[in-house]
Amino acid sequence: ISAGGARFISTASYSLGDRLVLETAPIDWEDPFSIICEIRRVTEIE
């Protein structure tokens, strides 16, 4: 993760250009983040 984007693995199926909300709490004492993202790269894995 960076301040401009993230890379993640999921079973959900998205396409290039799809927009979604990514929710995460990198630090346990911080409030969670809810960030709008746009898919820029897709790689199918096992």
All heavy atoms as atom14 arrays in JSON, in Angstrom:
{
  "sequence": "ISAGGARFISTASYSLGDRLVLETAPIDWEDPFSIICEIRRVTEIE",
  "atom14_mask": [
    [1, 1, 1, 1, 1, 1, 1, 1, 0, 0, 0, 0, 0, 0],
    [1, 1, 1, 1, 1, 1, 0, 0, 0, 0, 0, 0, 0, 0],
    [1, 1, 1, 1, 1, 0, 0, 0, 0, 0, 0, 0, 0, 0],
    [1, 1, 1, 1, 0, 0, 0, 0, 0, 0, 0, 0, 0, 0],
    [1, 1, 1, 1, 0, 0, 0, 0, 0, 0, 0, 0, 0, 0],
    [1, 1, 1, 1, 1, 0, 0, 0, 0, 0, 0, 0, 0, 0],
    [1, 1, 1, 1, 1, 1, 1, 1, 1, 1, 1, 0, 0, 0],
    [1, 1, 1, 1, 1, 1, 1, 1, 1, 1, 1, 0, 0, 0],
    [1, 1, 1, 1, 1, 1, 1, 1, 0, 0, 0, 0, 0, 0],
    [1, 1, 1, 1, 1, 1, 0, 0, 0, 0, 0, 0, 0, 0],
    [1, 1, 1, 1, 1, 1, 1, 0, 0, 0, 0, 0, 0, 0],
    [1, 1, 1, 1, 1, 0, 0, 0, 0, 0, 0, 0, 0, 0],
    [1, 1, 1, 1, 1, 1, 0, 0, 0, 0, 0, 0, 0, 0],
    [1, 1, 1, 1, 1, 1, 1, 1, 1, 1, 1, 1, 0, 0],
    [1, 1, 1, 1, 1, 1, 0, 0, 0, 0, 0, 0, 0, 0],
    [1, 1, 1, 1, 1, 1, 1, 1, 0, 0, 0, 0, 0, 0],
    [1, 1, 1, 1, 0, 0, 0, 0, 0, 0, 0, 0, 0, 0],
    [1, 1, 1, 1, 1, 1, 1, 1, 0, 0, 0, 0, 0, 0],
    [1, 1, 1, 1, 1, 1, 1, 1, 1, 1, 1, 0, 0, 0],
    [1, 1, 1, 1, 1, 1, 1, 1, 0, 0, 0, 0, 0, 0],
    [1, 1, 1, 1, 1, 1, 1, 0, 0, 0, 0, 0, 0, 0],
    [1, 1, 1, 1, 1, 1, 1, 1, 0, 0, 0, 0, 0, 0],
    [1, 1, 1, 1, 1, 1, 1, 1, 1, 0, 0, 0, 0, 0],
    [1, 1, 1, 1, 1, 1, 1, 0, 0, 0, 0, 0, 0, 0],
    [1, 1, 1, 1, 1, 0, 0, 0, 0, 0, 0, 0, 0, 0],
    [1, 1, 1, 1, 1, 1, 1, 0, 0, 0, 0, 0, 0, 0],
    [1, 1, 1, 1, 1, 1, 1, 1, 0, 0, 0, 0, 0, 0],
    [1, 1, 1, 1, 1, 1, 1, 1, 0, 0, 0, 0, 0, 0],
    [1, 1, 1, 1, 1, 1, 1, 1, 1, 1, 1, 1, 1, 1],
    [1, 1, 1, 1, 1, 1, 1, 1, 1, 0, 0, 0, 0, 0],
    [1, 1, 1, 1, 1, 1, 1, 1, 0, 0, 0, 0, 0, 0],
    [1, 1, 1, 1, 1, 1, 1, 0, 0, 0, 0, 0, 0, 0],
    [1, 1, 1, 1, 1, 1, 1, 1, 1, 1, 1, 0, 0, 0],
    [1, 1, 1, 1, 1, 1, 0, 0, 0, 0, 0, 0, 0, 0],
    [1, 1, 1, 1, 1, 1, 1, 1, 0, 0, 0, 0, 0, 0],
    [1, 1, 1, 1, 1, 1, 1, 1, 0, 0, 0, 0, 0, 0],
    [1, 1, 1, 1, 1, 1, 0, 0, 0, 0, 0, 0, 0, 0],
    [1, 1, 1, 1, 1, 1, 1, 1, 1, 0, 0, 0, 0, 0],
    [1, 1, 1, 1, 1, 1, 1, 1, 0, 0, 0, 0, 0, 0],
    [1, 1, 1, 1, 1, 1, 1, 1, 1, 1, 1, 0, 0, 0],
    [1, 1, 1, 1, 1, 1, 1, 1, 1, 1, 1, 0, 0, 0],
    [1, 1, 1, 1, 1, 1, 1, 0, 0, 0, 0, 0, 0, 0],
    [1, 1, 1, 1, 1, 1, 1, 0, 0, 0, 0, 0, 0, 0],
    [1, 1, 1, 1, 1, 1, 1, 1, 1, 0, 0, 0, 0, 0],
    [1, 1, 1, 1, 1, 1, 1, 1, 0, 0, 0, 0, 0, 0],
    [1, 1, 1, 1, 1, 1, 1, 1, 1, 0, 0, 0, 0, 0]
  ],
  "atom14_positions": [
    [[0.84, -1.19, 0.0], [0.0, 0.0, 0.0], [0.88, 1.24, 0.0], [1.99, 1.24, 0.53], [-0.95, 0.0, 1.23], [-2.02, 1.08, 1.11], [-0.17, 0.13, 2.53], [-3.13, 0.93, 2.15], [0.0, 0.0, 0.0], [0.0, 0.0, 0.0], [0.0, 0.0, 0.0], [0.0, 0.0, 0.0], [0.0, 0.0, 0.0], [0.0, 0.0, 0.0]],
    [[0.39, 2.28, -0.64], [1.04, 3.59, -0.61], [-0.06, 4.63, -0.41], [-1.23, 4.28, -0.28], [1.8, 3.86, -1.91], [0.9, 4.15, -2.96], [0.0, 0.0, 0.0], [0.0, 0.0, 0.0], [0.0, 0.0, 0.0], [0.0, 0.0, 0.0], [0.0, 0.0, 0.0], [0.0, 0.0, 0.0], [0.0, 0.0, 0.0], [0.0, 0.0, 0.0]],
    [[0.32, 5.89, -0.42], [-0.69, 6.94, -0.3], [-1.43, 7.15, -1.61], [-2.36, 7.94, -1.67], [-0.06, 8.25, 0.15], [0.0, 0.0, 0.0], [0.0, 0.0, 0.0], [0.0, 0.0, 0.0], [0.0, 0.0, 0.0], [0.0, 0.0, 0.0], [0.0, 0.0, 0.0], [0.0, 0.0, 0.0], [0.0, 0.0, 0.0], [0.0, 0.0, 0.0]],
    [[-1.02, 6.45, -2.67], [-1.68, 6.61, -3.96], [-2.39, 5.38, -4.48], [-3.14, 5.47, -5.45], [0.0, 0.0, 0.0], [0.0, 0.0, 0.0], [0.0, 0.0, 0.0], [0.0, 0.0, 0.0], [0.0, 0.0, 0.0], [0.0, 0.0, 0.0], [0.0, 0.0, 0.0], [0.0, 0.0, 0.0], [0.0, 0.0, 0.0], [0.0, 0.0, 0.0]],
    [[-2.15, 4.21, -3.85], [-2.79, 3.0, -4.35], [-2.42, 1.79, -3.52], [-1.71, 1.89, -2.51], [0.0, 0.0, 0.0], [0.0, 0.0, 0.0], [0.0, 0.0, 0.0], [0.0, 0.0, 0.0], [0.0, 0.0, 0.0], [0.0, 0.0, 0.0], [0.0, 0.0, 0.0], [0.0, 0.0, 0.0], [0.0, 0.0, 0.0], [0.0, 0.0, 0.0]],
    [[-2.9, 0.62, -3.96], [-2.65, -0.62, -3.23], [-2.68, -1.79, -4.18], [-3.15, -1.7, -5.32], [-3.69, -0.81, -2.12], [0.0, 0.0, 0.0], [0.0, 0.0, 0.0], [0.0, 0.0, 0.0], [0.0, 0.0, 0.0], [0.0, 0.0, 0.0], [0.0, 0.0, 0.0], [0.0, 0.0, 0.0], [0.0, 0.0, 0.0], [0.0, 0.0, 0.0]],
    [[-2.15, -2.91, -3.7], [-2.18, -4.18, -4.44], [-2.77, -5.21, -3.49], [-2.33, -5.34, -2.35], [-0.77, -4.56, -4.88], [-0.67, -5.78, -5.77], [0.73, -5.87, -6.4], [1.77, -5.94, -5.38], [2.34, -7.07, -4.96], [1.96, -8.24, -5.46], [3.3, -7.03, -4.06], [0.0, 0.0, 0.0], [0.0, 0.0, 0.0], [0.0, 0.0, 0.0]],
    [[-3.78, -5.96, -3.96], [-4.43, -6.9, -3.06], [-4.87, -8.15, -3.83], [-4.98, -8.16, -5.06], [-5.63, -6.25, -2.37], [-6.76, -5.84, -3.29], [-7.81, -6.72, -3.58], [-6.79, -4.58, -3.85], [-8.84, -6.34, -4.42], [-7.82, -4.19, -4.7], [-8.86, -5.08, -4.99], [0.0, 0.0, 0.0], [0.0, 0.0, 0.0], [0.0, 0.0, 0.0]],
    [[-5.12, -9.22, -3.08], [-5.61, -10.49, -3.61], [-7.03, -10.71, -3.1], [-7.32, -10.5, -1.92], [-4.7, -11.65, -3.2], [-3.34, -11.54, -3.91], [-5.34, -13.0, -3.51], [-2.35, -12.62, -3.49], [0.0, 0.0, 0.0], [0.0, 0.0, 0.0], [0.0, 0.0, 0.0], [0.0, 0.0, 0.0], [0.0, 0.0, 0.0], [0.0, 0.0, 0.0]],
    [[-7.91, -11.17, -4.0], [-9.3, -11.38, -3.62], [-9.92, -12.44, -4.53], [-9.44, -12.67, -5.65], [-10.09, -10.08, -3.74], [-11.48, -10.29, -3.51], [0.0, 0.0, 0.0], [0.0, 0.0, 0.0], [0.0, 0.0, 0.0], [0.0, 0.0, 0.0], [0.0, 0.0, 0.0], [0.0, 0.0, 0.0], [0.0, 0.0, 0.0], [0.0, 0.0, 0.0]],
    [[-11.01, -13.07, -4.04], [-11.78, -13.99, -4.88], [-12.81, -13.24, -5.71], [-13.42, -13.82, -6.62], [-12.49, -15.04, -4.02], [-13.32, -14.38, -3.06], [-11.48, -15.92, -3.29], [0.0, 0.0, 0.0], [0.0, 0.0, 0.0], [0.0, 0.0, 0.0], [0.0, 0.0, 0.0], [0.0, 0.0, 0.0], [0.0, 0.0, 0.0], [0.0, 0.0, 0.0]],
    [[-13.05, -11.97, -5.39], [-14.02, -11.18, -6.15], [-13.5, -10.92, -7.56], [-12.29, -10.79, -7.77], [-14.29, -9.86, -5.44], [0.0, 0.0, 0.0], [0.0, 0.0, 0.0], [0.0, 0.0, 0.0], [0.0, 0.0, 0.0], [0.0, 0.0, 0.0], [0.0, 0.0, 0.0], [0.0, 0.0, 0.0], [0.0, 0.0, 0.0], [0.0, 0.0, 0.0]],
    [[-14.4, -10.85, -8.52], [-14.03, -10.63, -9.91], [-14.29, -9.19, -10.31], [-15.43, -8.73, -10.28], [-14.83, -11.58, -10.81], [-14.49, -11.38, -12.17], [0.0, 0.0, 0.0], [0.0, 0.0, 0.0], [0.0, 0.0, 0.0], [0.0, 0.0, 0.0], [0.0, 0.0, 0.0], [0.0, 0.0, 0.0], [0.0, 0.0, 0.0], [0.0, 0.0, 0.0]],
    [[-13.2, -8.47, -10.66], [-13.31, -7.09, -11.13], [-12.62, -6.98, -12.48], [-11.77, -7.8, -12.83], [-12.65, -6.12, -10.13], [-13.25, -6.13, -8.76], [-12.54, -6.65, -7.67], [-14.51, -5.61, -8.53], [-13.09, -6.66, -6.4], [-15.07, -5.61, -7.26], [-14.35, -6.14, -6.2], [-14.9, -6.15, -4.95], [0.0, 0.0, 0.0], [0.0, 0.0, 0.0]],
    [[-12.98, -5.94, -13.22], [-12.39, -5.69, -14.52], [-11.63, -4.37, -14.49], [-11.83, -3.54, -13.58], [-13.47, -5.62, -15.61], [-14.2, -6.83, -15.66], [0.0, 0.0, 0.0], [0.0, 0.0, 0.0], [0.0, 0.0, 0.0], [0.0, 0.0, 0.0], [0.0, 0.0, 0.0], [0.0, 0.0, 0.0], [0.0, 0.0, 0.0], [0.0, 0.0, 0.0]],
    [[-10.75, -4.18, -15.47], [-10.02, -2.92, -15.57], [-11.01, -1.76, -15.64], [-11.99, -1.8, -16.39], [-9.13, -2.91, -16.82], [-7.91, -3.84, -16.8], [-7.21, -3.8, -18.16], [-6.94, -3.45, -15.7], [0.0, 0.0, 0.0], [0.0, 0.0, 0.0], [0.0, 0.0, 0.0], [0.0, 0.0, 0.0], [0.0, 0.0, 0.0], [0.0, 0.0, 0.0]],
    [[-10.74, -0.72, -14.84], [-11.6, 0.45, -14.83], [-12.71, 0.4, -13.82], [-13.35, 1.43, -13.55], [0.0, 0.0, 0.0], [0.0, 0.0, 0.0], [0.0, 0.0, 0.0], [0.0, 0.0, 0.0], [0.0, 0.0, 0.0], [0.0, 0.0, 0.0], [0.0, 0.0, 0.0], [0.0, 0.0, 0.0], [0.0, 0.0, 0.0], [0.0, 0.0, 0.0]],
    [[-12.98, -0.78, -13.23], [-14.01, -0.88, -12.2], [-13.62, -0.05, -10.99], [-12.43, 0.02, -10.62], [-14.22, -2.33, -11.75], [-15.02, -3.14, -12.75], [-15.51, -2.54, -13.74], [-15.16, -4.36, -12.55], [0.0, 0.0, 0.0], [0.0, 0.0, 0.0], [0.0, 0.0, 0.0], [0.0, 0.0, 0.0], [0.0, 0.0, 0.0], [0.0, 0.0, 0.0]],
    [[-14.62, 0.54, -10.36], [-14.38, 1.28, -9.11], [-15.01, 0.54, -7.95], [-16.1, -0.02, -8.08], [-14.93, 2.7, -9.21], [-14.14, 3.56, -10.2], [-14.4, 5.03, -10.03], [-13.51, 5.81, -10.9], [-13.43, 7.14, -10.87], [-14.17, 7.83, -10.0], [-12.6, 7.77, -11.68], [0.0, 0.0, 0.0], [0.0, 0.0, 0.0], [0.0, 0.0, 0.0]],
    [[-14.3, 0.54, -6.83], [-14.77, -0.16, -5.65], [-14.32, 0.6, -4.41], [-13.54, 1.55, -4.49], [-14.22, -1.59, -5.63], [-12.7, -1.74, -5.76], [-12.05, -1.89, -4.39], [-12.36, -2.93, -6.62], [0.0, 0.0, 0.0], [0.0, 0.0, 0.0], [0.0, 0.0, 0.0], [0.0, 0.0, 0.0], [0.0, 0.0, 0.0], [0.0, 0.0, 0.0]],
    [[-14.83, 0.17, -3.28], [-14.42, 0.75, -1.99], [-13.53, -0.27, -1.29], [-13.92, -1.44, -1.12], [-15.63, 1.1, -1.11], [-15.16, 1.6, 0.26], [-16.51, 2.13, -1.79], [0.0, 0.0, 0.0], [0.0, 0.0, 0.0], [0.0, 0.0, 0.0], [0.0, 0.0, 0.0], [0.0, 0.0, 0.0], [0.0, 0.0, 0.0], [0.0, 0.0, 0.0]],
    [[-12.33, 0.17, -0.91], [-11.4, -0.67, -0.15], [-11.42, -0.22, 1.3], [-11.17, 0.95, 1.59], [-10.0, -0.56, -0.74], [-8.89, -1.33, -0.02], [-9.13, -2.84, -0.12], [-7.52, -0.97, -0.59], [0.0, 0.0, 0.0], [0.0, 0.0, 0.0], [0.0, 0.0, 0.0], [0.0, 0.0, 0.0], [0.0, 0.0, 0.0], [0.0, 0.0, 0.0]],
    [[-11.73, -1.15, 2.19], [-11.76, -0.86, 3.62], [-10.64, -1.62, 4.31], [-10.47, -2.82, 4.09], [-13.11, -1.25, 4.23], [-14.3, -0.52, 3.61], [-15.62, -0.98, 4.19], [-15.61, -1.86, 5.08], [-16.66, -0.46, 3.75], [0.0, 0.0, 0.0], [0.0, 0.0, 0.0], [0.0, 0.0, 0.0], [0.0, 0.0, 0.0], [0.0, 0.0, 0.0]],
    [[-9.87, -0.94, 5.14], [-8.78, -1.58, 5.86], [-8.36, -0.74, 7.05], [-8.63, 0.47, 7.1], [-7.56, -1.82, 4.93], [-6.58, -2.59, 5.63], [-6.94, -0.5, 4.49], [0.0, 0.0, 0.0], [0.0, 0.0, 0.0], [0.0, 0.0, 0.0], [0.0, 0.0, 0.0], [0.0, 0.0, 0.0], [0.0, 0.0, 0.0], [0.0, 0.0, 0.0]],
    [[-7.71, -1.39, 8.0], [-7.16, -0.71, 9.19], [-5.72, -1.16, 9.35], [-5.45, -2.14, 10.07], [-7.99, -1.02, 10.42], [0.0, 0.0, 0.0], [0.0, 0.0, 0.0], [0.0, 0.0, 0.0], [0.0, 0.0, 0.0], [0.0, 0.0, 0.0], [0.0, 0.0, 0.0], [0.0, 0.0, 0.0], [0.0, 0.0, 0.0], [0.0, 0.0, 0.0]],
    [[-4.76, -0.49, 8.69], [-3.35, -0.92, 8.77], [-2.79, -0.91, 10.19], [-1.97, -1.76, 10.54], [-2.62, 0.11, 7.89], [-3.68, 0.7, 7.02], [-4.93, 0.67, 7.81], [0.0, 0.0, 0.0], [0.0, 0.0, 0.0], [0.0, 0.0, 0.0], [0.0, 0.0, 0.0], [0.0, 0.0, 0.0], [0.0, 0.0, 0.0], [0.0, 0.0, 0.0]],
    [[-3.24, 0.05, 11.01], [-2.76, 0.18, 12.39], [-3.95, -0.02, 13.32], [-4.99, 0.62, 13.15], [-2.13, 1.57, 12.63], [-1.06, 1.85, 11.57], [-1.55, 1.65, 14.03], [0.07, 0.86, 11.55], [0.0, 0.0, 0.0], [0.0, 0.0, 0.0], [0.0, 0.0, 0.0], [0.0, 0.0, 0.0], [0.0, 0.0, 0.0], [0.0, 0.0, 0.0]],
    [[-3.8, -0.9, 14.31], [-4.95, -1.3, 15.11], [-5.57, -0.15, 15.91], [-6.77, -0.16, 16.19], [-4.58, -2.46, 16.04], [-3.28, -2.23, 16.79], [-2.81, -1.08, 16.82], [-2.74, -3.21, 17.37], [0.0, 0.0, 0.0], [0.0, 0.0, 0.0], [0.0, 0.0, 0.0], [0.0, 0.0, 0.0], [0.0, 0.0, 0.0], [0.0, 0.0, 0.0]],
    [[-4.78, 0.86, 16.29], [-5.35, 1.95, 17.09], [-5.9, 3.09, 16.23], [-6.47, 4.04, 16.75], [-4.33, 2.5, 18.08], [-3.15, 3.18, 17.45], [-3.1, 4.45, 16.97], [-1.85, 2.62, 17.21], [-1.85, 4.74, 16.46], [-1.06, 3.62, 16.59], [-1.28, 1.38, 17.46], [0.26, 3.41, 16.23], [0.03, 1.18, 17.1], [0.78, 2.17, 16.5]],
    [[-5.73, 3.02, 14.91], [-6.23, 4.05, 14.01], [-7.64, 3.7, 13.54], [-8.01, 2.52, 13.46], [-5.33, 4.18, 12.78], [-4.07, 5.0, 13.01], [-4.31, 6.49, 12.82], [-5.47, 6.9, 12.69], [-3.31, 7.23, 12.82], [0.0, 0.0, 0.0], [0.0, 0.0, 0.0], [0.0, 0.0, 0.0], [0.0, 0.0, 0.0], [0.0, 0.0, 0.0]],
    [[-8.44, 4.72, 13.23], [-9.75, 4.47, 12.63], [-9.55, 3.82, 11.27], [-8.58, 4.13, 10.55], [-10.52, 5.78, 12.47], [-10.94, 6.38, 13.79], [-11.08, 5.61, 14.76], [-11.13, 7.61, 13.86], [0.0, 0.0, 0.0], [0.0, 0.0, 0.0], [0.0, 0.0, 0.0], [0.0, 0.0, 0.0], [0.0, 0.0, 0.0], [0.0, 0.0, 0.0]],
    [[-10.45, 2.91, 10.86], [-10.31, 2.26, 9.56], [-10.4, 3.27, 8.42], [-11.0, 4.33, 8.55], [-11.48, 1.27, 9.53], [-11.93, 1.13, 10.94], [-11.62, 2.42, 11.61], [0.0, 0.0, 0.0], [0.0, 0.0, 0.0], [0.0, 0.0, 0.0], [0.0, 0.0, 0.0], [0.0, 0.0, 0.0], [0.0, 0.0, 0.0], [0.0, 0.0, 0.0]],
    [[-9.82, 2.88, 7.28], [-9.91, 3.68, 6.07], [-10.98, 3.08, 5.16], [-11.13, 1.86, 5.09], [-8.57, 3.69, 5.33], [-7.49, 4.43, 6.05], [-6.66, 3.78, 6.95], [-7.3, 5.79, 5.83], [-5.66, 4.47, 7.62], [-6.3, 6.49, 6.49], [-5.49, 5.82, 7.39], [0.0, 0.0, 0.0], [0.0, 0.0, 0.0], [0.0, 0.0, 0.0]],
    [[-11.69, 3.94, 4.46], [-12.66, 3.53, 3.45], [-12.35, 4.37, 2.21], [-12.7, 5.56, 2.16], [-14.09, 3.75, 3.94], [-15.03, 3.31, 2.98], [0.0, 0.0, 0.0], [0.0, 0.0, 0.0], [0.0, 0.0, 0.0], [0.0, 0.0, 0.0], [0.0, 0.0, 0.0], [0.0, 0.0, 0.0], [0.0, 0.0, 0.0], [0.0, 0.0, 0.0]],
    [[-11.7, 3.75, 1.21], [-11.11, 4.49, 0.1], [-11.68, 4.01, -1.23], [-11.74, 2.8, -1.48], [-9.58, 4.32, 0.09], [-8.98, 4.68, 1.45], [-8.95, 5.17, -1.0], [-7.51, 4.33, 1.59], [0.0, 0.0, 0.0], [0.0, 0.0, 0.0], [0.0, 0.0, 0.0], [0.0, 0.0, 0.0], [0.0, 0.0, 0.0], [0.0, 0.0, 0.0]],
    [[-12.08, 4.94, -2.07], [-12.54, 4.59, -3.41], [-11.33, 4.3, -4.29], [-10.36, 5.08, -4.3], [-13.39, 5.72, -4.02], [-14.63, 5.97, -3.17], [-13.79, 5.38, -5.46], [-15.46, 7.15, -3.62], [0.0, 0.0, 0.0], [0.0, 0.0, 0.0], [0.0, 0.0, 0.0], [0.0, 0.0, 0.0], [0.0, 0.0, 0.0], [0.0, 0.0, 0.0]],
    [[-11.36, 3.18, -5.01], [-10.25, 2.75, -5.84], [-10.73, 2.49, -7.27], [-11.9, 2.2, -7.5], [-9.63, 1.45, -5.33], [-9.17, 1.47, -3.6], [0.0, 0.0, 0.0], [0.0, 0.0, 0.0], [0.0, 0.0, 0.0], [0.0, 0.0, 0.0], [0.0, 0.0, 0.0], [0.0, 0.0, 0.0], [0.0, 0.0, 0.0], [0.0, 0.0, 0.0]],
    [[-9.78, 2.56, -8.18], [-10.05, 2.16, -9.56], [-9.06, 1.06, -9.93], [-7.85, 1.21, -9.73], [-9.91, 3.34, -10.51], [-10.21, 2.99, -11.96], [-10.21, 4.2, -12.87], [-11.02, 5.14, -12.62], [-9.4, 4.22, -13.82], [0.0, 0.0, 0.0], [0.0, 0.0, 0.0], [0.0, 0.0, 0.0], [0.0, 0.0, 0.0], [0.0, 0.0, 0.0]],
    [[-9.58, -0.03, -10.48], [-8.72, -1.16, -10.85], [-7.89, -0.79, -12.08], [-8.42, -0.41, -13.11], [-9.56, -2.42, -11.15], [-10.35, -2.84, -9.91], [-8.66, -3.56, -11.63], [-9.51, -3.25, -8.73], [0.0, 0.0, 0.0], [0.0, 0.0, 0.0], [0.0, 0.0, 0.0], [0.0, 0.0, 0.0], [0.0, 0.0, 0.0], [0.0, 0.0, 0.0]],
    [[-6.56, -0.91, -11.94], [-5.64, -0.58, -13.03], [-4.9, -1.81, -13.55], [-4.32, -1.77, -14.63], [-4.63, 0.47, -12.56], [-5.24, 1.83, -12.27], [-5.85, 2.42, -13.53], [-6.38, 3.75, -13.34], [-5.68, 4.87, -13.52], [-4.39, 4.78, -13.87], [-6.22, 6.03, -13.34], [0.0, 0.0, 0.0], [0.0, 0.0, 0.0], [0.0, 0.0, 0.0]],
    [[-4.89, -2.91, -12.8], [-4.19, -4.11, -13.23], [-4.88, -5.33, -12.64], [-5.28, -5.33, -11.47], [-2.72, -4.08, -12.79], [-1.87, -5.18, -13.37], [-0.4, -5.08, -12.94], [-0.22, -5.35, -11.52], [-0.02, -4.42, -10.6], [0.03, -3.15, -10.95], [0.14, -4.74, -9.33], [0.0, 0.0, 0.0], [0.0, 0.0, 0.0], [0.0, 0.0, 0.0]],
    [[-5.03, -6.37, -13.46], [-5.67, -7.62, -13.03], [-4.78, -8.79, -13.43], [-4.36, -8.9, -14.59], [-7.06, -7.8, -13.66], [-7.7, -9.09, -13.15], [-7.96, -6.6, -13.36], [0.0, 0.0, 0.0], [0.0, 0.0, 0.0], [0.0, 0.0, 0.0], [0.0, 0.0, 0.0], [0.0, 0.0, 0.0], [0.0, 0.0, 0.0], [0.0, 0.0, 0.0]],
    [[-4.49, -9.68, -12.48], [-3.71, -10.89, -12.75], [-4.42, -12.07, -12.11], [-4.67, -12.07, -10.9], [-2.28, -10.8, -12.18], [-1.65, -9.62, -12.69], [-1.47, -12.01, -12.56], [0.0, 0.0, 0.0], [0.0, 0.0, 0.0], [0.0, 0.0, 0.0], [0.0, 0.0, 0.0], [0.0, 0.0, 0.0], [0.0, 0.0, 0.0], [0.0, 0.0, 0.0]],
    [[-4.77, -13.06, -12.9], [-5.41, -14.26, -12.36], [-4.35, -15.18, -11.77], [-3.3, -15.43, -12.37], [-6.18, -14.98, -13.47], [-7.04, -16.11, -12.94], [-7.96, -16.69, -14.0], [-7.98, -16.17, -15.14], [-8.65, -17.69, -13.69], [0.0, 0.0, 0.0], [0.0, 0.0, 0.0], [0.0, 0.0, 0.0], [0.0, 0.0, 0.0], [0.0, 0.0, 0.0]],
    [[-4.6, -15.66, -10.58], [-3.66, -16.55, -9.9], [-4.38, -17.84, -9.53], [-5.59, -17.99, -9.74], [-3.03, -15.89, -8.67], [-4.12, -15.45, -7.67], [-2.19, -14.69, -9.06], [-3.55, -14.83, -6.41], [0.0, 0.0, 0.0], [0.0, 0.0, 0.0], [0.0, 0.0, 0.0], [0.0, 0.0, 0.0], [0.0, 0.0, 0.0], [0.0, 0.0, 0.0]],
    [[-3.64, -18.8, -8.96], [-4.22, -20.1, -8.64], [-5.28, -19.99, -7.54], [-5.3, -19.06, -6.75], [-3.12, -21.06, -8.2], [-2.1, -21.39, -9.28], [-1.04, -22.34, -8.8], [-1.12, -22.75, -7.62], [-0.14, -22.69, -9.58], [0.0, 0.0, 0.0], [0.0, 0.0, 0.0], [0.0, 0.0, 0.0], [0.0, 0.0, 0.0], [0.0, 0.0, 0.0]]
  ]
}
